[in-house]
């Protein structure tokens, strides 16, 4: 039954997910037991671990907010990402 569930789900399920699928069929097993049975049957997930995006880190302290104390009439903001720099970028 493990092999059938595993094959019907693109061979991507691992023990925790197989445990949930078996529980839906009223077959309750511990995850470690399912891992053991999968290993004995040669079943493994073809899906690798999810990719974690790298976190943004900087080597300098947070820049001070220079416009925090200015009156709103003196503050302009704009997006300059569309402007071409002198070096062509």
PDB file of N, CA and C in Angstrom:
ATOM      1  N   UNK A   1       0.820  -1.186   0.000  1.00  0.00           N
ATOM      2  CA  UNK A   1       0.000   0.000   0.000  1.00  0.00           C
ATOM      3  C   UNK A   1       0.872   1.262   0.000  1.00  0.00           C
ATOM      4  N   UNK A   2       1.983   1.218   0.739  1.00  0.00           N
ATOM      5  CA  UNK A   2       2.916   2.354   0.730  1.00  0.00           C
ATOM      6  C   UNK A   2       3.424   2.624  -0.682  1.00  0.00           C
ATOM      7  N   UNK A   3       3.817   1.570  -1.378  1.00  0.00           N
ATOM      8  CA  UNK A   3       4.350   1.724  -2.729  1.00  0.00           C
ATOM      9  C   UNK A   3       3.289   2.314  -3.669  1.00  0.00           C
ATOM     10  N   UNK A   4       2.057   1.895  -3.518  1.00  0.00           N
ATOM     11  CA  UNK A   4       0.979   2.394  -4.372  1.00  0.00           C
ATOM     12  C   UNK A   4       0.736   3.889  -4.137  1.00  0.00           C
ATOM     13  N   UNK A   5       0.668   4.286  -2.885  1.00  0.00           N
ATOM     14  CA  UNK A   5       0.477   5.706  -2.562  1.00  0.00           C
ATOM     15  C   UNK A   5       1.657   6.524  -3.066  1.00  0.00           C
ATOM     16  N   UNK A   6       2.851   6.012  -2.872  1.00  0.00           N
ATOM     17  CA  UNK A   6       4.082   6.692  -3.281  1.00  0.00           C
ATOM     18  C   UNK A   6       4.104   6.886  -4.794  1.00  0.00           C
ATOM     19  N   UNK A   7       3.764   5.849  -5.560  1.00  0.00           N
ATOM     20  CA  UNK A   7       3.785   5.942  -7.020  1.00  0.00           C
ATOM     21  C   UNK A   7       2.667   6.841  -7.545  1.00  0.00           C
ATOM     22  N   UNK A   8       1.514   6.826  -6.911  1.00  0.00           N
ATOM     23  CA  UNK A   8       0.408   7.670  -7.356  1.00  0.00           C
ATOM     24  C   UNK A   8       0.642   9.147  -7.090  1.00  0.00           C
ATOM     25  N   UNK A   9       1.626   9.470  -6.283  1.00  0.00           N
ATOM     26  CA  UNK A   9       1.936  10.862  -5.957  1.00  0.00           C
ATOM     27  C   UNK A   9       3.304  11.268  -6.472  1.00  0.00           C
ATOM     28  N   UNK A  10       3.635  10.788  -7.659  1.00  0.00           N
ATOM     29  CA  UNK A  10       4.846  11.181  -8.387  1.00  0.00           C
ATOM     30  C   UNK A  10       6.132  10.857  -7.649  1.00  0.00           C
ATOM     31  N   UNK A  11       6.109   9.890  -6.771  1.00  0.00           N
ATOM     32  CA  UNK A  11       7.272   9.447  -5.989  1.00  0.00           C
ATOM     33  C   UNK A  11       7.875  10.592  -5.162  1.00  0.00           C
ATOM     34  N   UNK A  12       7.033  11.545  -4.798  1.00  0.00           N
ATOM     35  CA  UNK A  12       7.517  12.718  -4.077  1.00  0.00           C
ATOM     36  C   UNK A  12       7.241  12.647  -2.579  1.00  0.00           C
ATOM     37  N   UNK A  13       6.387  11.728  -2.147  1.00  0.00           N
ATOM     38  CA  UNK A  13       6.028  11.663  -0.733  1.00  0.00           C
ATOM     39  C   UNK A  13       7.120  10.986   0.078  1.00  0.00           C
ATOM     40  N   UNK A  14       7.337  11.508   1.272  1.00  0.00           N
ATOM     41  CA  UNK A  14       8.266  10.940   2.230  1.00  0.00           C
ATOM     42  C   UNK A  14       7.451  10.466   3.424  1.00  0.00           C
ATOM     43  N   UNK A  15       8.048   9.954   4.441  1.00  0.00           N
ATOM     44  CA  UNK A  15       7.350   9.285   5.545  1.00  0.00           C
ATOM     45  C   UNK A  15       6.261  10.129   6.209  1.00  0.00           C
ATOM     46  N   UNK A  16       6.488  11.391   6.544  1.00  0.00           N
ATOM     47  CA  UNK A  16       5.419  12.149   7.202  1.00  0.00           C
ATOM     48  C   UNK A  16       4.161  12.273   6.336  1.00  0.00           C
ATOM     49  N   UNK A  17       4.359  12.516   5.052  1.00  0.00           N
ATOM     50  CA  UNK A  17       3.203  12.668   4.165  1.00  0.00           C
ATOM     51  C   UNK A  17       2.510  11.319   3.939  1.00  0.00           C
ATOM     52  N   UNK A  18       3.282  10.254   3.846  1.00  0.00           N
ATOM     53  CA  UNK A  18       2.700   8.922   3.709  1.00  0.00           C
ATOM     54  C   UNK A  18       1.910   8.548   4.962  1.00  0.00           C
ATOM     55  N   UNK A  19       2.376   8.974   6.120  1.00  0.00           N
ATOM     56  CA  UNK A  19       1.647   8.716   7.364  1.00  0.00           C
ATOM     57  C   UNK A  19       0.277   9.374   7.328  1.00  0.00           C
ATOM     58  N   UNK A  20       0.203  10.600   6.794  1.00  0.00           N
ATOM     59  CA  UNK A  20      -1.072  11.299   6.687  1.00  0.00           C
ATOM     60  C   UNK A  20      -2.000  10.567   5.715  1.00  0.00           C
ATOM     61  N   UNK A  21      -1.441  10.127   4.600  1.00  0.00           N
ATOM     62  CA  UNK A  21      -2.257   9.410   3.612  1.00  0.00           C
ATOM     63  C   UNK A  21      -2.780   8.088   4.182  1.00  0.00           C
ATOM     64  N   UNK A  22      -1.945   7.386   4.934  1.00  0.00           N
ATOM     65  CA  UNK A  22      -2.394   6.145   5.556  1.00  0.00           C
ATOM     66  C   UNK A  22      -3.441   6.415   6.635  1.00  0.00           C
ATOM     67  N   UNK A  23      -3.285   7.526   7.360  1.00  0.00           N
ATOM     68  CA  UNK A  23      -4.268   7.876   8.388  1.00  0.00           C
ATOM     69  C   UNK A  23      -5.619   8.182   7.756  1.00  0.00           C
ATOM     70  N   UNK A  24      -5.614   8.729   6.537  1.00  0.00           N
ATOM     71  CA  UNK A  24      -6.874   8.976   5.826  1.00  0.00           C
ATOM     72  C   UNK A  24      -7.578   7.662   5.482  1.00  0.00           C
ATOM     73  N   UNK A  25      -6.816   6.571   5.411  1.00  0.00           N
ATOM     74  CA  UNK A  25      -7.381   5.245   5.151  1.00  0.00           C
ATOM     75  C   UNK A  25      -7.609   4.465   6.448  1.00  0.00           C
ATOM     76  N   UNK A  26      -7.557   5.162   7.586  1.00  0.00           N
ATOM     77  CA  UNK A  26      -7.726   4.560   8.925  1.00  0.00           C
ATOM     78  C   UNK A  26      -6.631   3.541   9.245  1.00  0.00           C
ATOM     79  N   UNK A  27      -5.439   3.772   8.750  1.00  0.00           N
ATOM     80  CA  UNK A  27      -4.269   2.956   9.096  1.00  0.00           C
ATOM     81  C   UNK A  27      -3.287   3.883   9.799  1.00  0.00           C
ATOM     82  N   UNK A  28      -3.145   3.708  11.093  1.00  0.00           N
ATOM     83  CA  UNK A  28      -2.334   4.634  11.880  1.00  0.00           C
ATOM     84  C   UNK A  28      -1.002   3.987  12.247  1.00  0.00           C
ATOM     85  N   UNK A  29       0.085   4.604  11.779  1.00  0.00           N
ATOM     86  CA  UNK A  29       1.434   4.136  12.068  1.00  0.00           C
ATOM     87  C   UNK A  29       2.287   5.320  12.505  1.00  0.00           C
ATOM     88  N   UNK A  30       3.347   5.023  13.224  1.00  0.00           N
ATOM     89  CA  UNK A  30       4.316   6.035  13.628  1.00  0.00           C
ATOM     90  C   UNK A  30       5.225   6.323  12.436  1.00  0.00           C
ATOM     91  N   UNK A  31       5.684   7.566  12.317  1.00  0.00           N
ATOM     92  CA  UNK A  31       6.506   7.974  11.181  1.00  0.00           C
ATOM     93  C   UNK A  31       7.770   7.133  11.068  1.00  0.00           C
ATOM     94  N   UNK A  32       8.405   6.811  12.191  1.00  0.00           N
ATOM     95  CA  UNK A  32       9.626   6.003  12.135  1.00  0.00           C
ATOM     96  C   UNK A  32       9.362   4.608  11.579  1.00  0.00           C
ATOM     97  N   UNK A  33       8.202   4.047  11.877  1.00  0.00           N
ATOM     98  CA  UNK A  33       7.843   2.733  11.329  1.00  0.00           C
ATOM     99  C   UNK A  33       7.682   2.818   9.809  1.00  0.00           C
ATOM    100  N   UNK A  34       7.079   3.889   9.333  1.00  0.00           N
ATOM    101  CA  UNK A  34       6.910   4.074   7.891  1.00  0.00           C
ATOM    102  C   UNK A  34       8.269   4.268   7.229  1.00  0.00           C
ATOM    103  N   UNK A  35       9.181   5.004   7.880  1.00  0.00           N
ATOM    104  CA  UNK A  35      10.539   5.154   7.341  1.00  0.00           C
ATOM    105  C   UNK A  35      11.225   3.802   7.212  1.00  0.00           C
ATOM    106  N   UNK A  36      11.077   2.978   8.223  1.00  0.00           N
ATOM    107  CA  UNK A  36      11.687   1.643   8.201  1.00  0.00           C
ATOM    108  C   UNK A  36      11.110   0.811   7.056  1.00  0.00           C
ATOM    109  N   UNK A  37       9.795   0.834   6.886  1.00  0.00           N
ATOM    110  CA  UNK A  37       9.159   0.075   5.811  1.00  0.00           C
ATOM    111  C   UNK A  37       9.551   0.615   4.435  1.00  0.00           C
ATOM    112  N   UNK A  38       9.693   1.921   4.333  1.00  0.00           N
ATOM    113  CA  UNK A  38      10.127   2.511   3.064  1.00  0.00           C
ATOM    114  C   UNK A  38      11.547   2.078   2.732  1.00  0.00           C
ATOM    115  N   UNK A  39      12.411   2.076   3.727  1.00  0.00           N
ATOM    116  CA  UNK A  39      13.793   1.667   3.508  1.00  0.00           C
ATOM    117  C   UNK A  39      13.852   0.194   3.114  1.00  0.00           C
ATOM    118  N   UNK A  40      13.052  -0.637   3.749  1.00  0.00           N
ATOM    119  CA  UNK A  40      13.034  -2.058   3.428  1.00  0.00           C
ATOM    120  C   UNK A  40      12.512  -2.299   2.012  1.00  0.00           C
ATOM    121  N   UNK A  41      11.578  -1.473   1.553  1.00  0.00           N
ATOM    122  CA  UNK A  41      11.003  -1.636   0.217  1.00  0.00           C
ATOM    123  C   UNK A  41      11.783  -0.883  -0.856  1.00  0.00           C
ATOM    124  N   UNK A  42      12.786  -0.106  -0.455  1.00  0.00           N
ATOM    125  CA  UNK A  42      13.574   0.660  -1.420  1.00  0.00           C
ATOM    126  C   UNK A  42      12.838   1.875  -1.958  1.00  0.00           C
ATOM    127  N   UNK A  43      11.936   2.408  -1.163  1.00  0.00           N
ATOM    128  CA  UNK A  43      11.166   3.592  -1.565  1.00  0.00           C
ATOM    129  C   UNK A  43      11.841   4.824  -0.992  1.00  0.00           C
ATOM    130  N   UNK A  44      11.992   5.846  -1.819  1.00  0.00           N
ATOM    131  CA  UNK A  44      12.558   7.105  -1.355  1.00  0.00           C
ATOM    132  C   UNK A  44      11.933   8.234  -2.153  1.00  0.00           C
ATOM    133  N   UNK A  45      11.931   9.400  -1.608  1.00  0.00           N
ATOM    134  CA  UNK A  45      11.349  10.553  -2.281  1.00  0.00           C
ATOM    135  C   UNK A  45      12.335  11.102  -3.296  1.00  0.00           C
ATOM    136  N   UNK A  46      11.851  11.389  -4.495  1.00  0.00           N
ATOM    137  CA  UNK A  46      12.717  11.977  -5.514  1.00  0.00           C
ATOM    138  C   UNK A  46      12.795  13.490  -5.361  1.00  0.00           C
ATOM    139  N   UNK A  47      11.995  14.029  -4.473  1.00  0.00           N
ATOM    140  CA  UNK A  47      11.980  15.471  -4.258  1.00  0.00           C
ATOM    141  C   UNK A  47      13.063  15.849  -3.263  1.00  0.00           C
ATOM    142  N   UNK A  48      13.831  16.860  -3.588  1.00  0.00           N
ATOM    143  CA  UNK A  48      14.865  17.320  -2.676  1.00  0.00           C
ATOM    144  C   UNK A  48      14.267  18.345  -1.716  1.00  0.00           C
ATOM    145  N   UNK A  49      15.082  18.828  -0.800  1.00  0.00           N
ATOM    146  CA  UNK A  49      14.609  19.809   0.169  1.00  0.00           C
ATOM    147  C   UNK A  49      14.256  21.101  -0.541  1.00  0.00           C
ATOM    148  N   UNK A  50      13.350  21.836   0.046  1.00  0.00           N
ATOM    149  CA  UNK A  50      12.958  23.107  -0.531  1.00  0.00           C
ATOM    150  C   UNK A  50      14.114  24.088  -0.459  1.00  0.00           C
ATOM    151  N   UNK A  51      14.155  24.970  -1.435  1.00  0.00           N
ATOM    152  CA  UNK A  51      15.195  25.988  -1.492  1.00  0.00           C
ATOM    153  C   UNK A  51      14.839  27.129  -0.556  1.00  0.00           C
ATOM    154  N   UNK A  52      15.742  27.472   0.326  1.00  0.00           N
ATOM    155  CA  UNK A  52      15.555  28.623   1.204  1.00  0.00           C
ATOM    156  C   UNK A  52      16.279  29.815   0.604  1.00  0.00           C
ATOM    157  N   UNK A  53      15.546  30.897   0.430  1.00  0.00           N
ATOM    158  CA  UNK A  53      16.157  32.082  -0.141  1.00  0.00           C
ATOM    159  C   UNK A  53      17.202  32.623   0.835  1.00  0.00           C
ATOM    160  N   UNK A  54      18.329  33.091   0.317  1.00  0.00           N
ATOM    161  CA  UNK A  54      19.337  33.665   1.216  1.00  0.00           C
ATOM    162  C   UNK A  54      18.822  34.957   1.839  1.00  0.00           C
ATOM    163  N   UNK A  55      19.222  35.165   3.057  1.00  0.00           N
ATOM    164  CA  UNK A  55      18.801  36.369   3.751  1.00  0.00           C
ATOM    165  C   UNK A  55      19.733  37.519   3.383  1.00  0.00           C
ATOM    166  N   UNK A  56      19.182  38.704   3.376  1.00  0.00           N
ATOM    167  CA  UNK A  56      19.967  39.884   3.069  1.00  0.00           C
ATOM    168  C   UNK A  56      20.747  40.294   4.315  1.00  0.00           C
ATOM    169  N   UNK A  57      22.039  40.348   4.178  1.00  0.00           N
ATOM    170  CA  UNK A  57      22.868  40.816   5.285  1.00  0.00           C
ATOM    171  C   UNK A  57      23.797  41.902   4.760  1.00  0.00           C
ATOM    172  N   UNK A  58      24.098  42.844   5.598  1.00  0.00           N
ATOM    173  CA  UNK A  58      24.991  43.937   5.230  1.00  0.00           C
ATOM    174  C   UNK A  58      26.088  44.054   6.275  1.00  0.00           C
ATOM    175  N   UNK A  59      27.215  44.603   5.857  1.00  0.00           N
ATOM    176  CA  UNK A  59      28.360  44.747   6.754  1.00  0.00           C
ATOM    177  C   UNK A  59      28.393  46.097   7.460  1.00  0.00           C
ATOM    178  N   UNK A  60      27.346  46.896   7.277  1.00  0.00           N
ATOM    179  CA  UNK A  60      27.342  48.218   7.887  1.00  0.00           C
ATOM    180  C   UNK A  60      26.068  48.394   8.709  1.00  0.00           C
ATOM    181  N   UNK A  61      26.070  49.398   9.574  1.00  0.00           N
ATOM    182  CA  UNK A  61      24.918  49.662  10.422  1.00  0.00           C
ATOM    183  C   UNK A  61      23.803  50.316   9.609  1.00  0.00           C
ATOM    184  N   UNK A  62      22.609  50.307  10.159  1.00  0.00           N
ATOM    185  CA  UNK A  62      21.467  50.928   9.503  1.00  0.00           C
ATOM    186  C   UNK A  62      21.735  52.410   9.289  1.00  0.00           C
ATOM    187  N   UNK A  63      21.410  52.881   8.099  1.00  0.00           N
ATOM    188  CA  UNK A  63      21.600  54.302   7.798  1.00  0.00           C
ATOM    189  C   UNK A  63      20.597  55.128   8.601  1.00  0.00           C
ATOM    190  N   UNK A  64      21.007  56.330   9.033  1.00  0.00           N
ATOM    191  CA  UNK A  64      20.082  57.170   9.801  1.00  0.00           C
ATOM    192  C   UNK A  64      18.970  57.722   8.900  1.00  0.00           C
ATOM    193  N   UNK A  65      17.792  57.944   9.467  1.00  0.00           N
ATOM    194  CA  UNK A  65      16.666  58.516   8.744  1.00  0.00           C
ATOM    195  C   UNK A  65      16.805  60.033   8.793  1.00  0.00           C
ATOM    196  N   UNK A  66      17.332  60.619   7.731  1.00  0.00           N
ATOM    197  CA  UNK A  66      17.636  62.051   7.719  1.00  0.00           C
ATOM    198  C   UNK A  66      16.392  62.909   7.523  1.00  0.00           C
ATOM    199  N   UNK A  67      15.310  62.364   6.994  1.00  0.00           N
ATOM    200  CA  UNK A  67      14.123  63.174   6.740  1.00  0.00           C
ATOM    201  C   UNK A  67      13.048  63.002   7.812  1.00  0.00           C
ATOM    202  N   UNK A  68      13.356  62.255   8.846  1.00  0.00           N
ATOM    203  CA  UNK A  68      12.365  61.964   9.879  1.00  0.00           C
ATOM    204  C   UNK A  68      11.830  63.235  10.533  1.00  0.00           C
ATOM    205  N   UNK A  69      12.675  64.196  10.799  1.00  0.00           N
ATOM    206  CA  UNK A  69      12.267  65.390  11.543  1.00  0.00           C
ATOM    207  C   UNK A  69      11.981  66.586  10.647  1.00  0.00           C
ATOM    208  N   UNK A  70      12.038  66.434   9.336  1.00  0.00           N
ATOM    209  CA  UNK A  70      11.749  67.548   8.428  1.00  0.00           C
ATOM    210  C   UNK A  70      10.240  67.688   8.246  1.00  0.00           C
ATOM    211  N   UNK A  71       9.766  68.913   8.009  1.00  0.00           N
ATOM    212  CA  UNK A  71       8.326  69.071   7.734  1.00  0.00           C
ATOM    213  C   UNK A  71       7.984  68.417   6.389  1.00  0.00           C
ATOM    214  N   UNK A  72       6.732  67.988   6.252  1.00  0.00           N
ATOM    215  CA  UNK A  72       6.318  67.243   5.055  1.00  0.00           C
ATOM    216  C   UNK A  72       6.419  68.062   3.776  1.00  0.00           C
ATOM    217  N   UNK A  73       6.336  69.378   3.871  1.00  0.00           N
ATOM    218  CA  UNK A  73       6.404  70.223   2.679  1.00  0.00           C
ATOM    219  C   UNK A  73       7.786  70.189   2.041  1.00  0.00           C
ATOM    220  N   UNK A  74       8.812  69.839   2.786  1.00  0.00           N
ATOM    221  CA  UNK A  74      10.176  69.837   2.263  1.00  0.00           C
ATOM    222  C   UNK A  74      10.647  68.453   1.813  1.00  0.00           C
ATOM    223  N   UNK A  75       9.747  67.468   1.784  1.00  0.00           N
ATOM    224  CA  UNK A  75      10.157  66.101   1.463  1.00  0.00           C
ATOM    225  C   UNK A  75       9.588  65.699   0.119  1.00  0.00           C
ATOM    226  N   UNK A  76      10.487  65.291  -0.779  1.00  0.00           N
ATOM    227  CA  UNK A  76      10.095  64.731  -2.064  1.00  0.00           C
ATOM    228  C   UNK A  76      10.625  63.317  -2.122  1.00  0.00           C
ATOM    229  N   UNK A  77       9.896  62.457  -2.764  1.00  0.00           N
ATOM    230  CA  UNK A  77      10.406  61.104  -2.960  1.00  0.00           C
ATOM    231  C   UNK A  77      10.147  60.696  -4.395  1.00  0.00           C
ATOM    232  N   UNK A  78      11.034  59.871  -4.935  1.00  0.00           N
ATOM    233  CA  UNK A  78      10.880  59.404  -6.310  1.00  0.00           C
ATOM    234  C   UNK A  78      11.608  58.074  -6.483  1.00  0.00           C
ATOM    235  N   UNK A  79      11.243  57.391  -7.522  1.00  0.00           N
ATOM    236  CA  UNK A  79      11.891  56.121  -7.862  1.00  0.00           C
ATOM    237  C   UNK A  79      12.830  56.383  -9.019  1.00  0.00           C
ATOM    238  N   UNK A  80      14.126  56.182  -8.808  1.00  0.00           N
ATOM    239  CA  UNK A  80      15.106  56.468  -9.851  1.00  0.00           C
ATOM    240  C   UNK A  80      15.690  55.186 -10.446  1.00  0.00           C
ATOM    241  N   UNK A  81      15.018  54.067 -10.253  1.00  0.00           N
ATOM    242  CA  UNK A  81      15.566  52.817 -10.778  1.00  0.00           C
ATOM    243  C   UNK A  81      15.483  52.724 -12.284  1.00  0.00           C
ATOM    244  N   UNK A  82      14.667  53.573 -12.919  1.00  0.00           N
ATOM    245  CA  UNK A  82      14.518  53.525 -14.357  1.00  0.00           C
ATOM    246  C   UNK A  82      15.541  54.395 -15.080  1.00  0.00           C
ATOM    247  N   UNK A  83      16.251  55.255 -14.363  1.00  0.00           N
ATOM    248  CA  UNK A  83      17.223  56.157 -14.990  1.00  0.00           C
ATOM    249  C   UNK A  83      18.490  55.398 -15.348  1.00  0.00           C
ATOM    250  N   UNK A  84      19.048  55.734 -16.500  1.00  0.00           N
ATOM    251  CA  UNK A  84      20.288  55.098 -16.939  1.00  0.00           C
ATOM    252  C   UNK A  84      21.485  55.846 -16.348  1.00  0.00           C
ATOM    253  N   UNK A  85      22.413  55.114 -15.778  1.00  0.00           N
ATOM    254  CA  UNK A  85      23.603  55.724 -15.188  1.00  0.00           C
ATOM    255  C   UNK A  85      24.601  56.047 -16.312  1.00  0.00           C
ATOM    256  N   UNK A  86      25.594  56.852 -15.981  1.00  0.00           N
ATOM    257  CA  UNK A  86      26.571  57.267 -16.989  1.00  0.00           C
ATOM    258  C   UNK A  86      27.398  56.098 -17.532  1.00  0.00           C
ATOM    259  N   UNK A  87      27.518  55.015 -16.751  1.00  0.00           N
ATOM    260  CA  UNK A  87      28.280  53.860 -17.234  1.00  0.00           C
ATOM    261  C   UNK A  87      27.411  52.889 -18.031  1.00  0.00           C
ATOM    262  N   UNK A  88      26.171  53.260 -18.356  1.00  0.00           N
ATOM    263  CA  UNK A  88      25.314  52.440 -19.203  1.00  0.00           C
ATOM    264  C   UNK A  88      24.451  51.440 -18.473  1.00  0.00           C
ATOM    265  N   UNK A  89      24.535  51.351 -17.197  1.00  0.00           N
ATOM    266  CA  UNK A  89      23.714  50.386 -16.445  1.00  0.00           C
ATOM    267  C   UNK A  89      22.371  50.988 -16.111  1.00  0.00           C
TER     268      UNK A  89
END
